[in-house]
Protein backbone atom coordinates (compact mmCIF):
# COMPACT_ATOMS: atom_id res chain seq x y z
CA MET A 1 136.66 92.85 19.78
CA ASP A 2 133.70 93.62 17.54
CA TYR A 3 133.65 93.41 13.97
CA ILE A 4 130.73 94.91 11.68
CA ILE A 5 130.83 93.57 8.36
CA THR A 6 128.77 95.39 5.58
CA GLY A 7 128.06 93.51 2.52
CA GLY A 8 126.25 93.43 -0.76
CA LYS A 9 129.96 94.81 -2.62
CA LYS A 10 131.52 92.84 -4.82
CA LEU A 11 134.66 91.86 -3.93
CA SER A 12 138.13 92.10 -6.26
CA GLY A 13 141.90 91.73 -6.25
CA THR A 14 144.61 89.52 -5.26
CA ILE A 15 146.08 87.96 -2.41
CA GLU A 16 149.54 86.09 -1.59
CA VAL A 17 148.64 82.76 -0.23
CA ALA A 18 151.42 81.91 2.66
CA GLY A 19 152.36 78.33 2.54
CA ALA A 20 150.96 75.56 4.82
CA LYS A 21 153.38 74.85 7.99
CA ASN A 22 152.29 71.40 8.06
CA ALA A 23 153.09 70.59 4.48
CA ALA A 24 156.32 72.05 4.23
CA LEU A 25 157.35 69.79 7.49
CA LYS A 26 156.54 66.93 5.98
CA LEU A 27 158.16 68.10 2.72
CA MET A 28 161.25 68.58 4.35
CA VAL A 29 161.40 65.45 6.13
CA ALA A 30 160.62 63.43 2.79
CA SER A 31 163.47 65.73 1.07
CA LEU A 32 165.98 63.65 2.83
CA LEU A 33 164.87 60.46 1.27
CA CYS A 34 166.06 61.95 -1.93
CA SER A 35 169.34 61.78 -3.65
CA GLY A 36 170.51 65.33 -4.29
CA ARG A 37 169.35 68.90 -3.44
CA THR A 38 165.77 69.76 -3.13
CA VAL A 39 164.34 73.26 -3.35
CA LEU A 40 161.19 74.18 -1.50
CA HIS A 41 159.29 77.10 -2.69
CA ASN A 42 156.80 79.13 -0.73
CA VAL A 43 157.97 77.87 2.67
CA PRO A 44 156.86 79.64 6.01
CA ARG A 45 159.79 80.83 8.06
CA ILE A 46 157.95 80.29 11.37
CA ARG A 47 159.57 78.45 14.71
CA ASP A 48 158.72 74.76 13.60
CA VAL A 49 160.53 75.19 10.04
CA GLU A 50 163.24 76.91 11.81
CA ALA A 51 163.49 74.17 14.70
CA LEU A 52 163.74 71.62 11.73
CA VAL A 53 166.19 73.32 9.70
CA ASP A 54 168.37 73.25 12.64
CA ILE A 55 168.11 69.52 13.59
CA VAL A 56 168.62 68.51 9.71
CA ASN A 57 171.95 70.68 10.09
CA TYR A 58 173.06 68.88 13.65
CA LEU A 59 172.48 65.81 12.07
CA GLY A 60 175.19 66.68 9.34
CA GLY A 61 172.58 67.84 6.04
CA GLU A 62 172.45 70.99 4.58
CA ALA A 63 169.15 73.10 5.16
CA LYS A 64 169.00 76.79 4.66
CA PHE A 65 167.24 79.58 2.92
CA ILE A 66 168.64 80.65 0.18
CA ALA A 67 165.61 82.84 -0.76
CA GLU A 68 162.82 84.51 1.56
CA ASN A 69 160.67 81.66 1.67
CA THR A 70 162.44 79.13 -0.36
CA LEU A 71 164.37 76.29 1.10
CA SER A 72 167.56 74.39 -0.23
CA ILE A 73 167.74 70.84 1.52
CA GLU A 74 170.25 67.79 0.97
CA ASN A 75 170.53 64.42 2.52
CA LYS A 76 174.32 64.40 4.03
CA LEU A 77 173.43 63.32 7.03
CA THR A 78 176.48 62.04 9.10
CA LYS A 79 174.46 61.39 12.68
CA ASN A 80 171.53 59.07 13.47
CA ARG A 81 170.69 60.45 17.37
CA ILE A 82 168.78 63.38 17.70
CA PRO A 83 169.33 64.74 21.15
CA LEU A 84 166.54 65.48 23.17
CA GLU A 85 167.31 69.27 23.81
CA ILE A 86 166.87 69.86 20.10
CA ALA A 87 164.10 67.35 18.87
CA GLY A 88 161.65 68.79 22.19
CA LYS A 89 161.73 72.21 19.78
CA THR A 90 158.95 70.64 17.38
CA ARG A 91 157.13 67.33 17.41
CA VAL A 92 157.60 67.02 13.28
CA SER A 93 161.37 65.80 14.62
CA PHE A 94 159.83 62.48 14.97
CA LEU A 95 159.09 61.99 11.44
CA LEU A 96 163.31 61.74 10.62
CA ILE A 97 162.86 58.22 11.68
CA ALA A 98 162.48 57.72 8.23
CA PRO A 99 165.40 59.13 6.71
CA LEU A 100 167.70 58.20 9.53
CA LEU A 101 166.82 54.24 8.83
CA PHE A 102 166.85 54.94 5.23
CA THR A 103 170.55 56.68 5.60
CA PHE A 104 172.05 54.46 8.51
CA GLY A 105 169.66 51.68 9.14
CA LYS A 106 169.68 52.85 12.82
CA ALA A 107 168.18 55.73 14.19
CA ILE A 108 167.61 57.00 18.01
CA ILE A 109 164.97 59.67 18.45
CA PRO A 110 163.25 60.78 21.61
CA ASN A 111 159.70 61.16 22.31
CA PRO A 112 158.57 64.00 20.56
CA GLY A 113 158.34 67.57 22.15
CA GLY A 114 156.91 70.45 20.73
CA CYS A 115 152.67 71.06 21.18
CA ARG A 116 151.09 69.04 23.50
CA LEU A 117 147.59 70.24 22.83
CA GLY A 118 145.17 66.96 22.36
CA LYS A 119 145.74 63.56 21.48
CA ARG A 120 148.99 62.92 18.92
CA PRO A 121 150.54 59.67 19.05
CA VAL A 122 153.50 58.03 17.08
CA ASP A 123 152.17 54.57 17.12
CA ARG A 124 151.16 54.85 13.50
CA LEU A 125 154.49 56.10 12.00
CA VAL A 126 155.76 53.49 14.21
CA LYS A 127 153.57 50.99 12.42
CA VAL A 128 154.68 52.28 9.24
CA VAL A 129 158.48 52.09 9.29
CA GLU A 130 157.88 48.40 10.92
CA GLU A 131 155.97 47.69 7.75
CA PHE A 132 159.16 48.13 6.10
CA GLY A 133 160.93 45.48 8.43
CA ALA A 134 162.31 48.12 11.08
CA LYS A 135 162.30 47.05 14.73
CA VAL A 136 161.33 49.58 17.00
CA LYS A 137 161.71 49.88 20.96
CA TYR A 138 160.82 52.51 23.33
CA ASN A 139 163.03 52.73 26.40
CA SER A 140 160.84 54.78 29.43
CA GLU A 141 163.65 55.07 31.48
CA ASP A 142 165.66 57.64 28.76
CA GLY A 143 162.39 58.69 26.96
CA PHE A 144 163.91 57.49 23.51
CA TYR A 145 162.66 55.06 20.80
CA TYR A 146 165.44 52.68 19.44
CA ALA A 147 164.68 51.74 15.46
CA SER A 148 167.03 49.38 13.41
CA LEU A 149 166.22 48.22 9.98
CA ASP A 150 168.04 45.73 7.92
CA LYS A 151 168.20 47.72 4.69
CA ALA A 152 169.20 44.20 2.63
CA LYS A 153 165.64 42.82 3.66
CA ALA A 154 163.76 45.84 3.58
CA PHE A 155 160.50 46.36 1.53
CA GLU A 156 161.81 47.06 -2.08
CA PHE A 157 160.27 47.79 -5.49
CA SER A 158 161.64 48.62 -8.70
CA PHE A 159 159.75 50.17 -11.55
CA SER A 160 160.05 49.35 -14.93
CA LYS A 161 158.57 50.16 -18.62
CA LYS A 162 155.95 47.47 -17.81
CA THR A 163 154.96 49.18 -14.54
CA GLN A 164 155.37 52.48 -13.60
CA VAL A 165 152.95 53.04 -11.57
CA VAL A 166 152.00 51.79 -7.63
CA PHE A 167 148.50 51.71 -5.52
CA GLY A 168 148.74 50.97 -2.14
CA SER A 169 145.26 48.89 -1.86
CA ARG A 170 143.34 49.17 1.42
CA ARG A 171 141.09 46.45 0.03
CA LEU A 172 143.33 44.05 -0.73
CA ASN A 173 144.19 43.61 2.98
CA LYS A 174 141.51 41.94 4.00
CA ASN A 175 142.91 42.29 7.41
CA ASN A 176 142.04 45.89 7.60
CA LYS A 177 139.22 47.56 9.38
CA TYR A 178 136.97 50.75 8.66
CA SER A 179 135.87 53.14 11.33
CA THR A 180 131.81 52.13 9.55
CA ARG A 181 130.47 50.01 7.17
CA MET A 182 129.42 53.36 5.28
CA TYR A 183 132.82 54.37 4.43
CA TYR A 184 133.76 50.99 3.07
CA TRP A 185 130.66 50.58 0.96
CA GLY A 186 130.94 53.99 -0.33
CA GLY A 187 134.58 53.43 -1.04
CA VAL A 188 133.64 49.81 -3.00
CA LEU A 189 130.81 51.68 -4.95
CA LEU A 190 133.00 54.45 -5.72
CA ASP A 191 135.76 51.84 -7.15
CA THR A 192 133.25 50.10 -9.01
CA ILE A 193 131.98 53.15 -10.76
CA ILE A 194 135.59 54.46 -11.43
CA SER A 195 136.44 51.11 -12.87
CA LYS A 196 133.52 50.89 -15.09
CA VAL A 197 134.38 55.03 -16.33
CA LEU A 198 137.91 53.96 -16.63
CA LYS A 199 137.34 50.37 -18.47
CA ILE A 200 140.14 49.18 -15.87
CA HIS A 201 139.73 47.14 -12.60
CA VAL A 202 141.01 48.83 -9.66
CA THR A 203 140.25 48.07 -5.92
CA ASP A 204 141.23 51.15 -4.68
CA ALA A 205 141.61 53.92 -7.03
CA ILE A 206 141.28 56.83 -4.59
CA THR A 207 143.68 55.69 -1.75
CA GLY A 208 146.05 58.44 -1.11
CA SER A 209 148.99 56.07 -1.10
CA LYS A 210 150.41 56.45 -4.80
CA ILE A 211 153.97 55.98 -6.08
CA PHE A 212 155.07 56.91 -9.67
CA THR A 213 158.04 57.94 -11.71
CA ARG A 214 159.10 61.41 -12.49
CA GLU A 215 158.01 60.31 -16.59
CA VAL A 216 154.40 59.56 -15.39
CA TYR A 217 154.41 63.03 -13.15
CA GLU A 218 155.51 65.18 -16.29
CA LYS A 219 152.53 63.52 -18.29
CA ILE A 220 149.80 64.17 -16.02
CA LYS A 221 150.63 67.47 -14.60
CA PRO A 222 149.34 70.23 -13.78
CA ILE A 223 147.46 68.50 -10.50
CA GLU A 224 144.32 71.08 -10.46
CA SER A 225 142.03 69.65 -7.43
CA LYS A 226 142.27 70.78 -4.12
CA GLY A 227 140.41 68.44 -2.09
CA PHE A 228 139.52 64.79 -1.54
CA GLU A 229 138.77 64.42 -5.28
CA VAL A 230 142.68 65.20 -6.39
CA GLU A 231 143.05 61.01 -6.04
CA ALA A 232 140.43 60.56 -8.82
CA GLU A 233 141.92 63.08 -10.97
CA ILE A 234 145.29 61.54 -10.41
CA THR A 235 144.11 58.12 -11.31
CA ALA A 236 142.00 59.12 -14.15
CA LYS A 237 144.87 61.16 -15.67
CA ILE A 238 147.36 58.15 -15.48
CA ILE A 239 144.87 55.39 -17.01
CA LYS A 240 144.23 58.17 -19.88
CA LYS A 241 147.65 58.57 -20.81
CA GLY A 242 148.27 55.11 -20.96
CA PHE A 243 150.30 53.77 -18.08
CA LYS A 244 149.81 50.53 -16.51
CA LEU A 245 148.72 50.57 -12.88
CA THR A 246 149.77 47.66 -10.11
CA GLU A 247 147.97 47.45 -6.99
CA VAL A 248 149.63 46.31 -3.70
CA PRO A 249 148.06 45.68 -0.31
CA ILE A 250 148.73 48.02 2.90
CA THR A 251 147.59 48.39 5.97
CA TYR A 252 145.07 50.88 6.83
CA THR A 253 144.24 52.43 10.50
CA PRO A 254 141.06 54.28 10.12
CA ARG A 255 140.25 57.65 11.89
CA THR A 256 137.06 58.69 13.18
CA VAL A 257 135.59 62.01 12.98
CA LYS A 258 136.95 62.91 16.40
CA GLU A 259 140.30 62.37 15.25
CA GLY A 260 140.34 64.50 11.96
CA LYS A 261 138.40 62.55 9.59
CA ASN A 262 136.88 64.93 7.19
CA ILE A 263 135.31 62.98 4.13
CA ARG A 264 131.58 62.98 4.27
CA TRP A 265 129.17 61.41 1.77
CA HIS A 266 128.84 64.39 -0.71
CA HIS A 267 132.53 64.10 -1.32
CA GLY A 268 131.64 61.49 -3.47
CA PHE A 269 130.10 63.17 -6.06
CA ILE A 270 132.64 65.80 -6.61
CA ILE A 271 135.06 63.03 -6.90
CA LEU A 272 132.65 61.39 -9.56
CA LYS A 273 132.40 64.82 -11.42
CA THR A 274 136.08 65.25 -11.53
CA LEU A 275 136.52 61.84 -12.89
CA ILE A 276 133.89 61.92 -15.37
CA THR A 277 135.10 65.45 -16.35
CA ILE A 278 138.72 64.20 -16.93
CA ALA A 279 137.60 60.81 -18.38
CA TYR A 280 135.49 62.41 -21.20
CA PHE A 281 135.95 66.00 -21.66
CA ARG A 282 139.60 66.72 -20.80
CA LYS A 283 142.35 65.85 -23.95
C-alpha cells in the first residue's frame, strides 16, 4: 500500500496518547511490592496485560479493570508457583519472581513464554534478585526456576529524616565495566559538571536507580522531562529542595547498541540544558 502525503499545511488539533504496554506491565508487577491497593490509569487493554491480570488473580492477588483503562491491583497473593500453562502467555510473568520472593521468600517460575522474537535473556533479573540475597537455580528437566530468599538477611534500607533519597551509583562499584570508554568518561564528565552546578559531590547523578520517599516526590513533582534528561531533572530538583542524598554502590551490566542502548553523545547537551534550566531559572 502506498501513501501520498502533501505537506505545507499547519497541523492543529488534539490526540489521545495510549498507555505504553511495557510500562504498564512493569508497573503492575511493581504494584505487588506495595502494601494496599494501587490504581493505574491509561492502561492499554491488550493481550499481555489481560494475561498478567489472569496470572495475578490465579496467585491470589486482586487485579481488575474498574474503568475502561483504569486497573486496580493489590497484593493478596496466596501462591508462590506459576504453572507453565499460564506463565507461557506472556514473558513478563518472569518479573513476578520479585514480588513472590518479597511475599513468601520462595518463588517457582517457568522459563518465560510469550514472544520469542530476538535475544531476550532473563539473566539480568536473576542477577538482581541474587544481589538482594536470593538463591536461584534452574532445572533444565522441568524448565522451572527455583528461587529462595531469607528475608531476615535480605538487603534492607531504612529512610530517616536525615536520609530521604538514595541513589544507586555505578561509579562506586569498581568492578563494573562499561560498553566503551566514551560512555564511561562521558558520564564522569557529566557528573563533574552536575556536581559543580549543584554545589554537591555526587558520583552518579544520572543513574536510573533512585529511591526516595513520597514526601520527596510531592516536593519535586511534576516531572516534565520525557527522555534521558529526566534523571538530571530529578537530581536537580532533589538538591534544590534541600533533601540529603546518599549514594550506595550497585552492580551495572552495560548494554551494547545492538542490545538496545540508545543514549548518544548529543543527549549530554540536553541533560546539561535541563540541569541549568532547573538550577538557575526555576523557583
